[in-house]
Amino acid sequence: MLYGAEHIKRYEETDGAEGFDWGDHGAHILVLTTVGRKSGEERKNALIFREVDGGYAIVSSYGGAPKNPDWHFNLEADPNVKVQIKADKFAAKARIASAEERAAIWPKMAEVWPDYNEYTKKTDRIIPIVILERQ
């Protein structure tokens, strides 16, 4: 499986032909571009997603760490992001899913990445789900 910068590079070079399908449970990957809240520079992350109600859900899991990942803090500072799903590149606005949305979406996310359920056991925080809405 591809990871990190190499994953993003191969995904972008092949419009997702390499890196879109990921893992053994049918997970799909998008590339999220945020603006660094401190640096002001673009930051890219390859993230598992599911389409939900016309938007795209991603999970701020950070492997169950006690804090959210940096990309989460970046989109809180500036919710205007860029997304690539295969060859489709578009602007989106990020928002944190409500408790009700999270409850409905979580099982769908854990279906394609069962480790999400394990991550909840490692942390006291409620792991947020972010919704990306195409602009």
N, C-alpha and C. Protein backbone atom coordinates (compact mmCIF):
# COMPACT_ATOMS: atom_id res chain seq x y z
N MET A 1 0.84 -1.19 0.00
CA MET A 1 0.00 0.00 0.00
C MET A 1 0.88 1.24 0.00
N LEU A 2 0.38 2.27 -0.61
CA LEU A 2 1.09 3.55 -0.65
C LEU A 2 0.79 4.35 0.62
N TYR A 3 1.75 5.16 1.04
CA TYR A 3 1.59 6.00 2.23
C TYR A 3 2.22 7.37 1.99
N GLY A 4 1.73 8.37 2.71
CA GLY A 4 2.36 9.68 2.79
C GLY A 4 2.60 10.36 1.45
N ALA A 5 3.76 11.02 1.36
CA ALA A 5 4.10 11.83 0.19
C ALA A 5 4.13 10.99 -1.09
N GLU A 6 4.62 9.76 -0.99
CA GLU A 6 4.66 8.89 -2.17
C GLU A 6 3.24 8.57 -2.65
N HIS A 7 2.34 8.36 -1.73
CA HIS A 7 0.94 8.09 -2.08
C HIS A 7 0.36 9.28 -2.85
N ILE A 8 0.54 10.48 -2.32
CA ILE A 8 0.01 11.68 -2.95
C ILE A 8 0.63 11.87 -4.33
N LYS A 9 1.93 11.70 -4.44
CA LYS A 9 2.63 11.88 -5.72
C LYS A 9 2.07 10.93 -6.78
N ARG A 10 1.97 9.65 -6.46
CA ARG A 10 1.49 8.66 -7.42
C ARG A 10 0.02 8.90 -7.76
N TYR A 11 -0.77 9.27 -6.77
CA TYR A 11 -2.19 9.56 -6.99
C TYR A 11 -2.33 10.71 -7.98
N GLU A 12 -1.62 11.80 -7.73
CA GLU A 12 -1.73 12.98 -8.59
C GLU A 12 -1.19 12.70 -9.99
N GLU A 13 -0.09 11.99 -10.09
CA GLU A 13 0.50 11.69 -11.40
C GLU A 13 -0.40 10.80 -12.26
N THR A 14 -1.20 9.95 -11.61
CA THR A 14 -2.02 8.98 -12.35
C THR A 14 -3.51 9.28 -12.27
N ASP A 15 -3.88 10.46 -11.74
CA ASP A 15 -5.29 10.81 -11.52
C ASP A 15 -6.01 9.70 -10.77
N GLY A 16 -5.33 9.15 -9.78
CA GLY A 16 -5.95 8.17 -8.90
C GLY A 16 -5.92 6.74 -9.41
N ALA A 17 -5.39 6.51 -10.62
CA ALA A 17 -5.27 5.12 -11.09
C ALA A 17 -4.42 4.32 -10.11
N GLU A 18 -3.44 4.98 -9.51
CA GLU A 18 -2.67 4.39 -8.42
C GLU A 18 -3.00 5.17 -7.15
N GLY A 19 -3.48 4.48 -6.14
CA GLY A 19 -3.71 5.11 -4.85
C GLY A 19 -5.15 5.39 -4.50
N PHE A 20 -6.08 5.28 -5.46
CA PHE A 20 -7.49 5.52 -5.14
C PHE A 20 -8.06 4.36 -4.32
N ASP A 21 -7.84 3.15 -4.78
CA ASP A 21 -8.27 1.96 -4.03
C ASP A 21 -7.21 1.64 -3.00
N TRP A 22 -7.64 1.42 -1.74
CA TRP A 22 -6.66 1.28 -0.66
C TRP A 22 -7.17 0.32 0.40
N GLY A 23 -6.35 -0.60 0.79
CA GLY A 23 -6.71 -1.52 1.87
C GLY A 23 -7.54 -2.69 1.38
N ASP A 24 -7.95 -3.51 2.33
CA ASP A 24 -8.65 -4.76 2.03
C ASP A 24 -10.17 -4.68 2.15
N HIS A 25 -10.70 -3.52 2.52
CA HIS A 25 -12.13 -3.43 2.82
C HIS A 25 -12.88 -2.49 1.87
N GLY A 26 -12.25 -2.13 0.75
CA GLY A 26 -12.92 -1.27 -0.21
C GLY A 26 -12.80 0.21 0.06
N ALA A 27 -11.77 0.61 0.82
CA ALA A 27 -11.57 2.04 1.09
C ALA A 27 -11.13 2.76 -0.18
N HIS A 28 -11.60 3.99 -0.34
CA HIS A 28 -11.19 4.86 -1.43
C HIS A 28 -10.53 6.10 -0.84
N ILE A 29 -9.60 6.64 -1.60
CA ILE A 29 -8.78 7.77 -1.13
C ILE A 29 -9.04 9.02 -1.96
N LEU A 30 -9.08 10.15 -1.29
CA LEU A 30 -9.05 11.45 -1.94
C LEU A 30 -7.80 12.17 -1.47
N VAL A 31 -7.41 13.20 -2.20
CA VAL A 31 -6.32 14.06 -1.76
C VAL A 31 -6.93 15.38 -1.32
N LEU A 32 -6.69 15.73 -0.06
CA LEU A 32 -7.19 16.97 0.54
C LEU A 32 -6.05 17.96 0.61
N THR A 33 -6.29 19.17 0.10
CA THR A 33 -5.30 20.25 0.19
C THR A 33 -5.86 21.34 1.08
N THR A 34 -5.15 21.60 2.17
CA THR A 34 -5.51 22.67 3.10
C THR A 34 -4.40 23.72 3.03
N VAL A 35 -4.66 24.88 3.64
CA VAL A 35 -3.63 25.91 3.78
C VAL A 35 -3.14 25.86 5.22
N GLY A 36 -1.83 25.72 5.38
CA GLY A 36 -1.26 25.67 6.72
C GLY A 36 -1.60 26.91 7.51
N ARG A 37 -2.15 26.72 8.70
CA ARG A 37 -2.59 27.85 9.52
C ARG A 37 -1.43 28.69 10.02
N LYS A 38 -0.23 28.11 10.11
CA LYS A 38 0.96 28.84 10.53
C LYS A 38 1.81 29.25 9.35
N SER A 39 2.01 28.33 8.40
CA SER A 39 2.92 28.57 7.28
C SER A 39 2.27 29.31 6.12
N GLY A 40 0.96 29.16 5.97
CA GLY A 40 0.28 29.73 4.81
C GLY A 40 0.53 28.94 3.53
N GLU A 41 1.23 27.82 3.64
CA GLU A 41 1.55 26.99 2.48
C GLU A 41 0.54 25.86 2.34
N GLU A 42 0.38 25.39 1.09
CA GLU A 42 -0.53 24.28 0.86
C GLU A 42 0.01 23.00 1.49
N ARG A 43 -0.89 22.24 2.08
CA ARG A 43 -0.57 20.96 2.70
C ARG A 43 -1.51 19.91 2.13
N LYS A 44 -0.96 18.77 1.72
CA LYS A 44 -1.76 17.73 1.09
C LYS A 44 -1.75 16.47 1.94
N ASN A 45 -2.92 15.82 1.98
CA ASN A 45 -3.06 14.56 2.70
C ASN A 45 -3.92 13.61 1.88
N ALA A 46 -3.51 12.36 1.84
CA ALA A 46 -4.30 11.30 1.23
C ALA A 46 -5.17 10.70 2.33
N LEU A 47 -6.50 10.75 2.15
CA LEU A 47 -7.42 10.36 3.21
C LEU A 47 -8.53 9.45 2.69
N ILE A 48 -8.92 8.51 3.52
CA ILE A 48 -10.07 7.67 3.22
C ILE A 48 -11.32 8.54 3.25
N PHE A 49 -12.24 8.29 2.29
CA PHE A 49 -13.48 9.05 2.26
C PHE A 49 -14.64 8.14 1.88
N ARG A 50 -15.82 8.64 2.18
CA ARG A 50 -17.08 8.04 1.69
C ARG A 50 -17.96 9.18 1.21
N GLU A 51 -18.69 8.94 0.14
CA GLU A 51 -19.66 9.92 -0.32
C GLU A 51 -20.90 9.82 0.56
N VAL A 52 -21.37 10.96 1.05
CA VAL A 52 -22.55 11.01 1.91
C VAL A 52 -23.39 12.23 1.55
N ASP A 53 -24.63 11.99 1.18
CA ASP A 53 -25.59 13.07 0.91
C ASP A 53 -25.02 14.15 0.00
N GLY A 54 -24.32 13.76 -1.04
CA GLY A 54 -23.78 14.73 -1.99
C GLY A 54 -22.47 15.37 -1.57
N GLY A 55 -22.00 15.06 -0.37
CA GLY A 55 -20.70 15.55 0.09
C GLY A 55 -19.77 14.37 0.31
N TYR A 56 -18.65 14.64 0.93
CA TYR A 56 -17.64 13.61 1.15
C TYR A 56 -17.21 13.65 2.62
N ALA A 57 -17.25 12.50 3.27
CA ALA A 57 -16.89 12.41 4.68
C ALA A 57 -15.47 11.89 4.82
N ILE A 58 -14.71 12.53 5.71
CA ILE A 58 -13.37 12.08 6.09
C ILE A 58 -13.31 12.07 7.61
N VAL A 59 -12.37 11.31 8.15
CA VAL A 59 -12.30 11.13 9.60
C VAL A 59 -11.00 11.73 10.14
N SER A 60 -11.10 12.54 11.17
CA SER A 60 -9.93 13.15 11.82
C SER A 60 -9.39 12.21 12.89
N SER A 61 -8.99 11.02 12.49
CA SER A 61 -8.64 9.99 13.47
C SER A 61 -7.24 10.14 14.05
N TYR A 62 -6.28 10.44 13.22
CA TYR A 62 -4.87 10.53 13.62
C TYR A 62 -4.44 9.28 14.38
N GLY A 63 -5.01 8.13 13.93
CA GLY A 63 -4.65 6.85 14.53
C GLY A 63 -5.04 6.70 16.00
N GLY A 64 -5.97 7.54 16.45
CA GLY A 64 -6.39 7.49 17.84
C GLY A 64 -5.53 8.32 18.77
N ALA A 65 -4.72 9.21 18.20
CA ALA A 65 -3.89 10.10 19.03
C ALA A 65 -4.79 11.01 19.88
N PRO A 66 -4.23 11.60 20.94
CA PRO A 66 -5.05 12.43 21.82
C PRO A 66 -5.51 13.75 21.21
N LYS A 67 -4.96 14.12 20.04
CA LYS A 67 -5.40 15.37 19.40
C LYS A 67 -5.72 15.09 17.93
N ASN A 68 -6.41 16.03 17.33
CA ASN A 68 -6.74 15.93 15.92
C ASN A 68 -5.48 16.10 15.07
N PRO A 69 -5.49 15.61 13.83
CA PRO A 69 -4.34 15.80 12.95
C PRO A 69 -4.20 17.26 12.53
N ASP A 70 -3.00 17.63 12.09
CA ASP A 70 -2.75 19.02 11.68
C ASP A 70 -3.71 19.48 10.60
N TRP A 71 -4.01 18.60 9.63
CA TRP A 71 -4.91 19.02 8.55
C TRP A 71 -6.26 19.45 9.10
N HIS A 72 -6.71 18.85 10.19
CA HIS A 72 -7.98 19.22 10.80
C HIS A 72 -7.92 20.66 11.34
N PHE A 73 -6.83 20.98 12.02
CA PHE A 73 -6.67 22.34 12.55
C PHE A 73 -6.56 23.35 11.41
N ASN A 74 -5.92 22.95 10.31
CA ASN A 74 -5.81 23.85 9.15
C ASN A 74 -7.19 24.16 8.58
N LEU A 75 -8.04 23.16 8.45
CA LEU A 75 -9.36 23.43 7.86
C LEU A 75 -10.28 24.14 8.85
N GLU A 76 -10.02 24.01 10.15
CA GLU A 76 -10.78 24.83 11.10
C GLU A 76 -10.41 26.30 10.94
N ALA A 77 -9.12 26.56 10.68
CA ALA A 77 -8.67 27.95 10.49
C ALA A 77 -9.14 28.51 9.15
N ASP A 78 -9.20 27.65 8.12
CA ASP A 78 -9.67 28.06 6.80
C ASP A 78 -10.39 26.87 6.17
N PRO A 79 -11.72 26.89 6.20
CA PRO A 79 -12.48 25.74 5.70
C PRO A 79 -12.52 25.61 4.18
N ASN A 80 -11.93 26.56 3.47
CA ASN A 80 -11.90 26.49 2.01
C ASN A 80 -10.72 25.62 1.61
N VAL A 81 -11.03 24.47 1.02
CA VAL A 81 -10.03 23.47 0.70
C VAL A 81 -10.12 23.07 -0.76
N LYS A 82 -9.13 22.30 -1.20
CA LYS A 82 -9.16 21.69 -2.53
C LYS A 82 -9.22 20.19 -2.34
N VAL A 83 -9.93 19.52 -3.25
CA VAL A 83 -10.10 18.09 -3.18
C VAL A 83 -9.82 17.49 -4.55
N GLN A 84 -9.17 16.34 -4.56
CA GLN A 84 -9.03 15.56 -5.78
C GLN A 84 -9.54 14.16 -5.51
N ILE A 85 -10.52 13.73 -6.34
CA ILE A 85 -11.02 12.36 -6.32
C ILE A 85 -10.81 11.83 -7.73
N LYS A 86 -9.86 10.94 -7.86
CA LYS A 86 -9.40 10.48 -9.18
C LYS A 86 -9.00 11.71 -9.98
N ALA A 87 -9.56 11.90 -11.19
CA ALA A 87 -9.18 13.05 -12.02
C ALA A 87 -10.00 14.30 -11.70
N ASP A 88 -11.01 14.17 -10.85
CA ASP A 88 -11.90 15.27 -10.51
C ASP A 88 -11.26 16.14 -9.43
N LYS A 89 -10.94 17.38 -9.80
CA LYS A 89 -10.34 18.34 -8.87
C LYS A 89 -11.31 19.49 -8.67
N PHE A 90 -11.60 19.81 -7.40
CA PHE A 90 -12.60 20.83 -7.14
C PHE A 90 -12.36 21.53 -5.81
N ALA A 91 -12.95 22.73 -5.69
CA ALA A 91 -12.93 23.47 -4.43
C ALA A 91 -14.06 22.95 -3.56
N ALA A 92 -13.81 22.94 -2.26
CA ALA A 92 -14.84 22.48 -1.31
C ALA A 92 -14.75 23.33 -0.04
N LYS A 93 -15.82 23.26 0.71
CA LYS A 93 -15.85 23.89 2.03
C LYS A 93 -15.99 22.77 3.05
N ALA A 94 -15.16 22.81 4.07
CA ALA A 94 -15.15 21.77 5.11
C ALA A 94 -15.97 22.24 6.32
N ARG A 95 -16.66 21.27 6.90
CA ARG A 95 -17.37 21.54 8.15
C ARG A 95 -17.36 20.26 8.99
N ILE A 96 -17.45 20.44 10.29
CA ILE A 96 -17.49 19.31 11.21
C ILE A 96 -18.92 18.75 11.22
N ALA A 97 -19.04 17.45 11.09
CA ALA A 97 -20.35 16.81 11.12
C ALA A 97 -20.98 17.00 12.50
N SER A 98 -22.29 17.19 12.50
CA SER A 98 -23.03 17.27 13.77
C SER A 98 -22.99 15.90 14.45
N ALA A 99 -23.37 15.87 15.70
CA ALA A 99 -23.40 14.60 16.44
C ALA A 99 -24.31 13.59 15.75
N GLU A 100 -25.44 14.07 15.24
CA GLU A 100 -26.38 13.17 14.55
C GLU A 100 -25.77 12.65 13.25
N GLU A 101 -25.14 13.54 12.48
CA GLU A 101 -24.49 13.12 11.24
C GLU A 101 -23.37 12.12 11.53
N ARG A 102 -22.58 12.43 12.56
CA ARG A 102 -21.47 11.55 12.91
C ARG A 102 -21.97 10.15 13.25
N ALA A 103 -23.03 10.08 14.03
CA ALA A 103 -23.59 8.79 14.42
C ALA A 103 -24.03 7.98 13.21
N ALA A 104 -24.57 8.65 12.20
CA ALA A 104 -25.03 7.96 11.00
C ALA A 104 -23.87 7.58 10.08
N ILE A 105 -22.85 8.41 10.02
CA ILE A 105 -21.74 8.21 9.08
C ILE A 105 -20.67 7.27 9.63
N TRP A 106 -20.45 7.28 10.94
CA TRP A 106 -19.35 6.49 11.52
C TRP A 106 -19.36 5.03 11.06
N PRO A 107 -20.49 4.32 11.14
CA PRO A 107 -20.47 2.91 10.71
C PRO A 107 -20.08 2.73 9.25
N LYS A 108 -20.42 3.70 8.40
CA LYS A 108 -20.04 3.63 6.99
C LYS A 108 -18.53 3.78 6.83
N MET A 109 -17.94 4.62 7.65
CA MET A 109 -16.49 4.81 7.59
C MET A 109 -15.77 3.57 8.13
N ALA A 110 -16.27 3.04 9.23
CA ALA A 110 -15.65 1.86 9.84
C ALA A 110 -15.82 0.62 8.97
N GLU A 111 -16.82 0.62 8.11
CA GLU A 111 -17.01 -0.50 7.20
C GLU A 111 -15.81 -0.64 6.25
N VAL A 112 -15.28 0.48 5.78
CA VAL A 112 -14.16 0.43 4.84
C VAL A 112 -12.80 0.56 5.54
N TRP A 113 -12.80 0.97 6.79
CA TRP A 113 -11.57 1.04 7.58
C TRP A 113 -11.90 0.67 9.02
N PRO A 114 -11.98 -0.64 9.31
CA PRO A 114 -12.38 -1.10 10.65
C PRO A 114 -11.49 -0.58 11.78
N ASP A 115 -10.26 -0.21 11.48
CA ASP A 115 -9.37 0.33 12.52
C ASP A 115 -9.93 1.59 13.18
N TYR A 116 -10.83 2.31 12.50
CA TYR A 116 -11.42 3.49 13.13
C TYR A 116 -12.04 3.13 14.49
N ASN A 117 -12.69 1.98 14.57
CA ASN A 117 -13.29 1.57 15.85
C ASN A 117 -12.22 1.33 16.91
N GLU A 118 -11.06 0.81 16.49
CA GLU A 118 -9.95 0.60 17.43
C GLU A 118 -9.38 1.94 17.89
N TYR A 119 -9.31 2.90 16.98
CA TYR A 119 -8.77 4.21 17.34
C TYR A 119 -9.57 4.87 18.45
N THR A 120 -10.89 4.65 18.48
CA THR A 120 -11.71 5.27 19.53
C THR A 120 -11.34 4.75 20.91
N LYS A 121 -10.78 3.55 20.96
CA LYS A 121 -10.39 2.96 22.25
C LYS A 121 -9.07 3.53 22.77
N LYS A 122 -8.32 4.20 21.91
CA LYS A 122 -7.01 4.73 22.27
C LYS A 122 -7.06 6.17 22.78
N THR A 123 -8.21 6.82 22.64
CA THR A 123 -8.28 8.25 22.97
C THR A 123 -9.56 8.58 23.73
N ASP A 124 -9.50 9.65 24.50
CA ASP A 124 -10.67 10.13 25.21
C ASP A 124 -11.49 11.11 24.36
N ARG A 125 -10.89 11.61 23.28
CA ARG A 125 -11.61 12.58 22.45
C ARG A 125 -12.62 11.87 21.57
N ILE A 126 -13.65 12.58 21.20
CA ILE A 126 -14.58 12.08 20.19
C ILE A 126 -13.96 12.41 18.85
N ILE A 127 -13.65 11.39 18.08
CA ILE A 127 -12.98 11.59 16.80
C ILE A 127 -13.97 12.23 15.82
N PRO A 128 -13.65 13.43 15.32
CA PRO A 128 -14.59 14.13 14.44
C PRO A 128 -14.64 13.53 13.04
N ILE A 129 -15.79 13.69 12.43
CA ILE A 129 -15.96 13.45 11.01
C ILE A 129 -16.14 14.81 10.36
N VAL A 130 -15.43 15.01 9.25
CA VAL A 130 -15.50 16.26 8.51
C VAL A 130 -16.25 15.99 7.22
N ILE A 131 -17.14 16.92 6.88
CA ILE A 131 -17.87 16.85 5.62
C ILE A 131 -17.29 17.88 4.67
N LEU A 132 -16.95 17.44 3.48
CA LEU A 132 -16.43 18.32 2.43
C LEU A 132 -17.57 18.55 1.43
N GLU A 133 -17.97 19.81 1.27
CA GLU A 133 -19.07 20.13 0.39
C GLU A 133 -18.52 20.88 -0.83
N ARG A 134 -18.77 20.31 -2.00
CA ARG A 134 -18.28 20.88 -3.26
C ARG A 134 -18.82 22.29 -3.41
N GLN A 135 -17.95 23.20 -3.86
CA GLN A 135 -18.35 24.61 -4.05
C GLN A 135 -18.52 24.92 -5.52
